[in-house]
Amino acid sequence: MIPREVLDYVEKHTRSPAVREQLLAVLRRIASGDCVTWADVRSTSLKQHFQALRRSGLLVAVIRSGRRACLELATQHS
């Protein structure tokens, strides 16, 4: 489940419905436990949103599966 503060960020900072849906799709994968890496986030606008989420402390990169840095929601990591 995607935390309310992350959903609030998405609602407030995404203007394009297409970008919003892409962002939510990747966040759902992360919330379900899939290992999503920075390389999986291909679009420039999505990368900017994910970097902003990371800077705000809502998203972290965690080393899993050997050396792969998987993105996780901060609530999953704490």
PDB file of N, CA and C in Angstrom:
ATOM      1  N   MET A   1       0.834  -1.184   0.000  1.00  0.00           N
ATOM      2  CA  MET A   1       0.000   0.000   0.000  1.00  0.00           C
ATOM      3  C   MET A   1       0.885   1.257   0.000  1.00  0.00           C
ATOM      4  N   ILE A   2       0.521   2.195  -0.791  1.00  0.00           N
ATOM      5  CA  ILE A   2       1.292   3.434  -0.896  1.00  0.00           C
ATOM      6  C   ILE A   2       0.851   4.366   0.232  1.00  0.00           C
ATOM      7  N   PRO A   3       1.813   4.866   1.033  1.00  0.00           N
ATOM      8  CA  PRO A   3       1.454   5.751   2.151  1.00  0.00           C
ATOM      9  C   PRO A   3       0.788   7.050   1.688  1.00  0.00           C
ATOM     10  N   ARG A   4      -0.054   7.591   2.514  1.00  0.00           N
ATOM     11  CA  ARG A   4      -0.814   8.808   2.224  1.00  0.00           C
ATOM     12  C   ARG A   4       0.105   9.964   1.845  1.00  0.00           C
ATOM     13  N   GLU A   5       1.235  10.143   2.541  1.00  0.00           N
ATOM     14  CA  GLU A   5       2.110  11.282   2.239  1.00  0.00           C
ATOM     15  C   GLU A   5       2.708  11.174   0.836  1.00  0.00           C
ATOM     16  N   VAL A   6       2.941   9.957   0.360  1.00  0.00           N
ATOM     17  CA  VAL A   6       3.445   9.772  -1.001  1.00  0.00           C
ATOM     18  C   VAL A   6       2.335  10.078  -2.009  1.00  0.00           C
ATOM     19  N   LEU A   7       1.130   9.601  -1.735  1.00  0.00           N
ATOM     20  CA  LEU A   7      -0.009   9.902  -2.611  1.00  0.00           C
ATOM     21  C   LEU A   7      -0.278  11.406  -2.659  1.00  0.00           C
ATOM     22  N   ASP A   8      -0.135  12.078  -1.511  1.00  0.00           N
ATOM     23  CA  ASP A   8      -0.312  13.535  -1.473  1.00  0.00           C
ATOM     24  C   ASP A   8       0.717  14.228  -2.358  1.00  0.00           C
ATOM     25  N   TYR A   9       1.985  13.761  -2.294  1.00  0.00           N
ATOM     26  CA  TYR A   9       3.036  14.326  -3.143  1.00  0.00           C
ATOM     27  C   TYR A   9       2.652  14.160  -4.619  1.00  0.00           C
ATOM     28  N   VAL A  10       2.246  12.954  -4.991  1.00  0.00           N
ATOM     29  CA  VAL A  10       1.897  12.668  -6.389  1.00  0.00           C
ATOM     30  C   VAL A  10       0.767  13.584  -6.846  1.00  0.00           C
ATOM     31  N   GLU A  11      -0.250  13.709  -6.032  1.00  0.00           N
ATOM     32  CA  GLU A  11      -1.403  14.545  -6.389  1.00  0.00           C
ATOM     33  C   GLU A  11      -1.001  16.018  -6.546  1.00  0.00           C
ATOM     34  N   LYS A  12      -0.146  16.479  -5.660  1.00  0.00           N
ATOM     35  CA  LYS A  12       0.228  17.899  -5.649  1.00  0.00           C
ATOM     36  C   LYS A  12       1.221  18.259  -6.760  1.00  0.00           C
ATOM     37  N   HIS A  13       2.139  17.346  -7.079  1.00  0.00           N
ATOM     38  CA  HIS A  13       3.258  17.703  -7.951  1.00  0.00           C
ATOM     39  C   HIS A  13       3.194  17.162  -9.372  1.00  0.00           C
ATOM     40  N   THR A  14       2.180  16.406  -9.712  1.00  0.00           N
ATOM     41  CA  THR A  14       2.084  15.918 -11.093  1.00  0.00           C
ATOM     42  C   THR A  14       0.879  16.547 -11.771  1.00  0.00           C
ATOM     43  N   ARG A  15       1.136  17.198 -12.885  1.00  0.00           N
ATOM     44  CA  ARG A  15       0.056  17.850 -13.637  1.00  0.00           C
ATOM     45  C   ARG A  15      -0.517  16.929 -14.697  1.00  0.00           C
ATOM     46  N   SER A  16       0.346  16.172 -15.320  1.00  0.00           N
ATOM     47  CA  SER A  16      -0.077  15.305 -16.418  1.00  0.00           C
ATOM     48  C   SER A  16      -0.684  14.005 -15.875  1.00  0.00           C
ATOM     49  N   PRO A  17      -1.906  13.689 -16.287  1.00  0.00           N
ATOM     50  CA  PRO A  17      -2.511  12.420 -15.853  1.00  0.00           C
ATOM     51  C   PRO A  17      -1.689  11.198 -16.281  1.00  0.00           C
ATOM     52  N   ALA A  18      -1.042  11.273 -17.445  1.00  0.00           N
ATOM     53  CA  ALA A  18      -0.229  10.146 -17.920  1.00  0.00           C
ATOM     54  C   ALA A  18       0.985   9.935 -17.019  1.00  0.00           C
ATOM     55  N   VAL A  19       1.674  11.020 -16.665  1.00  0.00           N
ATOM     56  CA  VAL A  19       2.836  10.922 -15.774  1.00  0.00           C
ATOM     57  C   VAL A  19       2.382  10.440 -14.403  1.00  0.00           C
ATOM     58  N   ARG A  20       1.269  10.958 -13.920  1.00  0.00           N
ATOM     59  CA  ARG A  20       0.740  10.549 -12.612  1.00  0.00           C
ATOM     60  C   ARG A  20       0.477   9.040 -12.600  1.00  0.00           C
ATOM     61  N   GLU A  21      -0.130   8.522 -13.654  1.00  0.00           N
ATOM     62  CA  GLU A  21      -0.445   7.089 -13.704  1.00  0.00           C
ATOM     63  C   GLU A  21       0.819   6.246 -13.789  1.00  0.00           C
ATOM     64  N   GLN A  22       1.819   6.715 -14.558  1.00  0.00           N
ATOM     65  CA  GLN A  22       3.100   5.992 -14.635  1.00  0.00           C
ATOM     66  C   GLN A  22       3.782   5.975 -13.275  1.00  0.00           C
ATOM     67  N   LEU A  23       3.782   7.113 -12.612  1.00  0.00           N
ATOM     68  CA  LEU A  23       4.400   7.230 -11.297  1.00  0.00           C
ATOM     69  C   LEU A  23       3.712   6.300 -10.301  1.00  0.00           C
ATOM     70  N   LEU A  24       2.399   6.300 -10.301  1.00  0.00           N
ATOM     71  CA  LEU A  24       1.653   5.430  -9.388  1.00  0.00           C
ATOM     72  C   LEU A  24       1.884   3.951  -9.703  1.00  0.00           C
ATOM     73  N   ALA A  25       2.015   3.613 -10.976  1.00  0.00           N
ATOM     74  CA  ALA A  25       2.267   2.218 -11.350  1.00  0.00           C
ATOM     75  C   ALA A  25       3.603   1.737 -10.782  1.00  0.00           C
ATOM     76  N   VAL A  26       4.632   2.566 -10.891  1.00  0.00           N
ATOM     77  CA  VAL A  26       5.943   2.187 -10.353  1.00  0.00           C
ATOM     78  C   VAL A  26       5.893   2.164  -8.826  1.00  0.00           C
ATOM     79  N   LEU A  27       5.221   3.121  -8.214  1.00  0.00           N
ATOM     80  CA  LEU A  27       5.096   3.131  -6.753  1.00  0.00           C
ATOM     81  C   LEU A  27       4.348   1.896  -6.254  1.00  0.00           C
ATOM     82  N   ARG A  28       3.348   1.434  -6.997  1.00  0.00           N
ATOM     83  CA  ARG A  28       2.631   0.200  -6.617  1.00  0.00           C
ATOM     84  C   ARG A  28       3.578  -1.002  -6.663  1.00  0.00           C
ATOM     85  N   ARG A  29       4.434  -1.048  -7.675  1.00  0.00           N
ATOM     86  CA  ARG A  29       5.428  -2.140  -7.755  1.00  0.00           C
ATOM     87  C   ARG A  29       6.362  -2.106  -6.558  1.00  0.00           C
ATOM     88  N   ILE A  30       6.813  -0.906  -6.198  1.00  0.00           N
ATOM     89  CA  ILE A  30       7.709  -0.762  -5.051  1.00  0.00           C
ATOM     90  C   ILE A  30       6.987  -1.199  -3.778  1.00  0.00           C
ATOM     91  N   ALA A  31       5.757  -0.736  -3.606  1.00  0.00           N
ATOM     92  CA  ALA A  31       4.982  -1.060  -2.404  1.00  0.00           C
ATOM     93  C   ALA A  31       4.711  -2.559  -2.291  1.00  0.00           C
ATOM     94  N   SER A  32       4.619  -3.244  -3.426  1.00  0.00           N
ATOM     95  CA  SER A  32       4.351  -4.685  -3.390  1.00  0.00           C
ATOM     96  C   SER A  32       5.608  -5.505  -3.117  1.00  0.00           C
ATOM     97  N   GLY A  33       6.774  -4.837  -3.072  1.00  0.00           N
ATOM     98  CA  GLY A  33       8.011  -5.534  -2.747  1.00  0.00           C
ATOM     99  C   GLY A  33       8.889  -5.856  -3.939  1.00  0.00           C
ATOM    100  N   ASP A  34       8.474  -5.478  -5.148  1.00  0.00           N
ATOM    101  CA  ASP A  34       9.324  -5.684  -6.324  1.00  0.00           C
ATOM    102  C   ASP A  34      10.597  -4.856  -6.184  1.00  0.00           C
ATOM    103  N   CYS A  35      11.702  -5.393  -6.701  1.00  0.00           N
ATOM    104  CA  CYS A  35      12.955  -4.639  -6.697  1.00  0.00           C
ATOM    105  C   CYS A  35      12.969  -3.733  -7.922  1.00  0.00           C
ATOM    106  N   VAL A  36      12.648  -2.476  -7.709  1.00  0.00           N
ATOM    107  CA  VAL A  36      12.680  -1.468  -8.765  1.00  0.00           C
ATOM    108  C   VAL A  36      13.975  -0.684  -8.582  1.00  0.00           C
ATOM    109  N   THR A  37      14.785  -0.609  -9.643  1.00  0.00           N
ATOM    110  CA  THR A  37      16.055   0.111  -9.563  1.00  0.00           C
ATOM    111  C   THR A  37      15.941   1.439 -10.300  1.00  0.00           C
ATOM    112  N   TRP A  38      16.966   2.289 -10.139  1.00  0.00           N
ATOM    113  CA  TRP A  38      16.970   3.568 -10.860  1.00  0.00           C
ATOM    114  C   TRP A  38      16.919   3.327 -12.358  1.00  0.00           C
ATOM    115  N   ALA A  39      17.527   2.227 -12.821  1.00  0.00           N
ATOM    116  CA  ALA A  39      17.527   1.920 -14.257  1.00  0.00           C
ATOM    117  C   ALA A  39      16.121   1.605 -14.769  1.00  0.00           C
ATOM    118  N   ASP A  40      15.242   1.130 -13.882  1.00  0.00           N
ATOM    119  CA  ASP A  40      13.862   0.823 -14.280  1.00  0.00           C
ATOM    120  C   ASP A  40      13.031   2.085 -14.496  1.00  0.00           C
ATOM    121  N   VAL A  41      13.471   3.187 -13.918  1.00  0.00           N
ATOM    122  CA  VAL A  41      12.751   4.460 -14.046  1.00  0.00           C
ATOM    123  C   VAL A  41      13.353   5.179 -15.249  1.00  0.00           C
ATOM    124  N   ARG A  42      12.744   5.013 -16.398  1.00  0.00           N
ATOM    125  CA  ARG A  42      13.358   5.444 -17.650  1.00  0.00           C
ATOM    126  C   ARG A  42      13.057   6.887 -18.050  1.00  0.00           C
ATOM    127  N   SER A  43      11.855   7.325 -17.868  1.00  0.00           N
ATOM    128  CA  SER A  43      11.478   8.655 -18.358  1.00  0.00           C
ATOM    129  C   SER A  43      12.094   9.756 -17.490  1.00  0.00           C
ATOM    130  N   THR A  44      12.506  10.832 -18.134  1.00  0.00           N
ATOM    131  CA  THR A  44      13.135  11.947 -17.423  1.00  0.00           C
ATOM    132  C   THR A  44      12.196  12.554 -16.395  1.00  0.00           C
ATOM    133  N   SER A  45      10.935  12.738 -16.751  1.00  0.00           N
ATOM    134  CA  SER A  45      10.005  13.352 -15.797  1.00  0.00           C
ATOM    135  C   SER A  45       9.777  12.436 -14.598  1.00  0.00           C
ATOM    136  N   LEU A  46       9.728  11.122 -14.821  1.00  0.00           N
ATOM    137  CA  LEU A  46       9.581  10.197 -13.691  1.00  0.00           C
ATOM    138  C   LEU A  46      10.809  10.239 -12.796  1.00  0.00           C
ATOM    139  N   LYS A  47      11.995  10.278 -13.417  1.00  0.00           N
ATOM    140  CA  LYS A  47      13.228  10.347 -12.622  1.00  0.00           C
ATOM    141  C   LYS A  47      13.221  11.584 -11.734  1.00  0.00           C
ATOM    142  N   GLN A  48      12.771  12.709 -12.272  1.00  0.00           N
ATOM    143  CA  GLN A  48      12.725  13.937 -11.475  1.00  0.00           C
ATOM    144  C   GLN A  48      11.794  13.773 -10.279  1.00  0.00           C
ATOM    145  N   HIS A  49      10.652  13.140 -10.480  1.00  0.00           N
ATOM    146  CA  HIS A  49       9.723  12.917  -9.369  1.00  0.00           C
ATOM    147  C   HIS A  49      10.313  11.956  -8.337  1.00  0.00           C
ATOM    148  N   PHE A  50      10.954  10.890  -8.797  1.00  0.00           N
ATOM    149  CA  PHE A  50      11.549   9.946  -7.858  1.00  0.00           C
ATOM    150  C   PHE A  50      12.706  10.580  -7.089  1.00  0.00           C
ATOM    151  N   GLN A  51      13.491  11.433  -7.750  1.00  0.00           N
ATOM    152  CA  GLN A  51      14.566  12.131  -7.042  1.00  0.00           C
ATOM    153  C   GLN A  51      13.991  13.078  -5.996  1.00  0.00           C
ATOM    154  N   ALA A  52      12.897  13.746  -6.316  1.00  0.00           N
ATOM    155  CA  ALA A  52      12.252  14.634  -5.342  1.00  0.00           C
ATOM    156  C   ALA A  52      11.704  13.832  -4.165  1.00  0.00           C
ATOM    157  N   LEU A  53      11.116  12.678  -4.431  1.00  0.00           N
ATOM    158  CA  LEU A  53      10.629  11.816  -3.346  1.00  0.00           C
ATOM    159  C   LEU A  53      11.787  11.359  -2.464  1.00  0.00           C
ATOM    160  N   ARG A  54      12.923  11.055  -3.077  1.00  0.00           N
ATOM    161  CA  ARG A  54      14.092  10.642  -2.302  1.00  0.00           C
ATOM    162  C   ARG A  54      14.617  11.794  -1.451  1.00  0.00           C
ATOM    163  N   ARG A  55      14.698  12.985  -2.046  1.00  0.00           N
ATOM    164  CA  ARG A  55      15.181  14.154  -1.283  1.00  0.00           C
ATOM    165  C   ARG A  55      14.264  14.471  -0.107  1.00  0.00           C
ATOM    166  N   SER A  56      12.971  14.222  -0.275  1.00  0.00           N
ATOM    167  CA  SER A  56      12.022  14.522   0.796  1.00  0.00           C
ATOM    168  C   SER A  56      11.992  13.428   1.863  1.00  0.00           C
ATOM    169  N   GLY A  57      12.743  12.363   1.652  1.00  0.00           N
ATOM    170  CA  GLY A  57      12.797  11.289   2.640  1.00  0.00           C
ATOM    171  C   GLY A  57      11.690  10.259   2.511  1.00  0.00           C
ATOM    172  N   LEU A  58      10.875  10.352   1.467  1.00  0.00           N
ATOM    173  CA  LEU A  58       9.769   9.408   1.288  1.00  0.00           C
ATOM    174  C   LEU A  58      10.194   8.143   0.545  1.00  0.00           C
ATOM    175  N   LEU A  59      11.366   8.192  -0.092  1.00  0.00           N
ATOM    176  CA  LEU A  59      11.852   7.065  -0.878  1.00  0.00           C
ATOM    177  C   LEU A  59      13.324   6.866  -0.558  1.00  0.00           C
ATOM    178  N   VAL A  60      13.755   5.625  -0.423  1.00  0.00           N
ATOM    179  CA  VAL A  60      15.159   5.328  -0.140  1.00  0.00           C
ATOM    180  C   VAL A  60      15.638   4.246  -1.104  1.00  0.00           C
ATOM    181  N   ALA A  61      16.943   4.165  -1.291  1.00  0.00           N
ATOM    182  CA  ALA A  61      17.543   3.081  -2.073  1.00  0.00           C
ATOM    183  C   ALA A  61      18.204   2.130  -1.084  1.00  0.00           C
ATOM    184  N   VAL A  62      17.874   0.853  -1.176  1.00  0.00           N
ATOM    185  CA  VAL A  62      18.360  -0.150  -0.240  1.00  0.00           C
ATOM    186  C   VAL A  62      19.061  -1.241  -1.038  1.00  0.00           C
ATOM    187  N   ILE A  63      20.242  -1.647  -0.565  1.00  0.00           N
ATOM    188  CA  ILE A  63      20.970  -2.719  -1.241  1.00  0.00           C
ATOM    189  C   ILE A  63      20.292  -4.049  -0.907  1.00  0.00           C
ATOM    190  N   ARG A  64      19.811  -4.712  -1.945  1.00  0.00           N
ATOM    191  CA  ARG A  64      19.216  -6.046  -1.811  1.00  0.00           C
ATOM    192  C   ARG A  64      19.735  -6.893  -2.956  1.00  0.00           C
ATOM    193  N   SER A  65      19.520  -8.159  -2.873  1.00  0.00           N
ATOM    194  CA  SER A  65      19.877  -9.068  -3.972  1.00  0.00           C
ATOM    195  C   SER A  65      21.332  -8.886  -4.389  1.00  0.00           C
ATOM    196  N   GLY A  66      22.221  -9.024  -3.453  1.00  0.00           N
ATOM    197  CA  GLY A  66      23.629  -8.835  -3.771  1.00  0.00           C
ATOM    198  C   GLY A  66      23.982  -7.370  -3.810  1.00  0.00           C
ATOM    199  N   ARG A  67      24.192  -6.836  -5.015  1.00  0.00           N
ATOM    200  CA  ARG A  67      24.615  -5.437  -5.150  1.00  0.00           C
ATOM    201  C   ARG A  67      23.535  -4.538  -5.711  1.00  0.00           C
ATOM    202  N   ARG A  68      22.349  -5.040  -5.979  1.00  0.00           N
ATOM    203  CA  ARG A  68      21.303  -4.206  -6.581  1.00  0.00           C
ATOM    204  C   ARG A  68      20.733  -3.251  -5.552  1.00  0.00           C
ATOM    205  N   ALA A  69      20.671  -1.990  -5.918  1.00  0.00           N
ATOM    206  CA  ALA A  69      20.057  -0.984  -5.049  1.00  0.00           C
ATOM    207  C   ALA A  69      18.594  -0.853  -5.450  1.00  0.00           C
ATOM    208  N   CYS A  70      17.713  -1.376  -4.612  1.00  0.00           N
ATOM    209  CA  CYS A  70      16.283  -1.335  -4.893  1.00  0.00           C
ATOM    210  C   CYS A  70      15.674  -0.109  -4.228  1.00  0.00           C
ATOM    211  N   LEU A  71      14.741   0.515  -4.914  1.00  0.00           N
ATOM    212  CA  LEU A  71      14.025   1.645  -4.338  1.00  0.00           C
ATOM    213  C   LEU A  71      12.953   1.108  -3.400  1.00  0.00           C
ATOM    214  N   GLU A  72      12.821   1.726  -2.246  1.00  0.00           N
ATOM    215  CA  GLU A  72      11.787   1.348  -1.293  1.00  0.00           C
ATOM    216  C   GLU A  72      11.160   2.606  -0.727  1.00  0.00           C
ATOM    217  N   LEU A  73       9.906   2.495  -0.376  1.00  0.00           N
ATOM    218  CA  LEU A  73       9.246   3.584   0.330  1.00  0.00           C
ATOM    219  C   LEU A  73       9.842   3.636   1.725  1.00  0.00           C
ATOM    220  N   ALA A  74      10.027   4.819   2.261  1.00  0.00           N
ATOM    221  CA  ALA A  74      10.659   4.966   3.569  1.00  0.00           C
ATOM    222  C   ALA A  74       9.917   4.156   4.630  1.00  0.00           C
ATOM    223  N   THR A  75       8.602   4.027   4.514  1.00  0.00           N
ATOM    224  CA  THR A  75       7.835   3.267   5.499  1.00  0.00           C
ATOM    225  C   THR A  75       8.143   1.773   5.427  1.00  0.00           C
ATOM    226  N   GLN A  76       8.582   1.267   4.275  1.00  0.00           N
ATOM    227  CA  GLN A  76       8.963  -0.135   4.152  1.00  0.00           C
ATOM    228  C   GLN A  76      10.306  -0.379   4.820  1.00  0.00           C
ATOM    229  N   HIS A  77      11.153   0.629   4.798  1.00  0.00           N
ATOM    230  CA  HIS A  77      12.528   0.480   5.261  1.00  0.00           C
ATOM    231  C   HIS A  77      12.657   0.652   6.764  1.00  0.00           C
ATOM    232  N   SER A  78      11.795   1.442   7.375  1.00  0.00           N
ATOM    233  CA  SER A  78      11.957   1.744   8.804  1.00  0.00           C
ATOM    234  C   SER A  78      11.518   0.612   9.683  1.00  0.00           C
TER     235      SER A  78
END
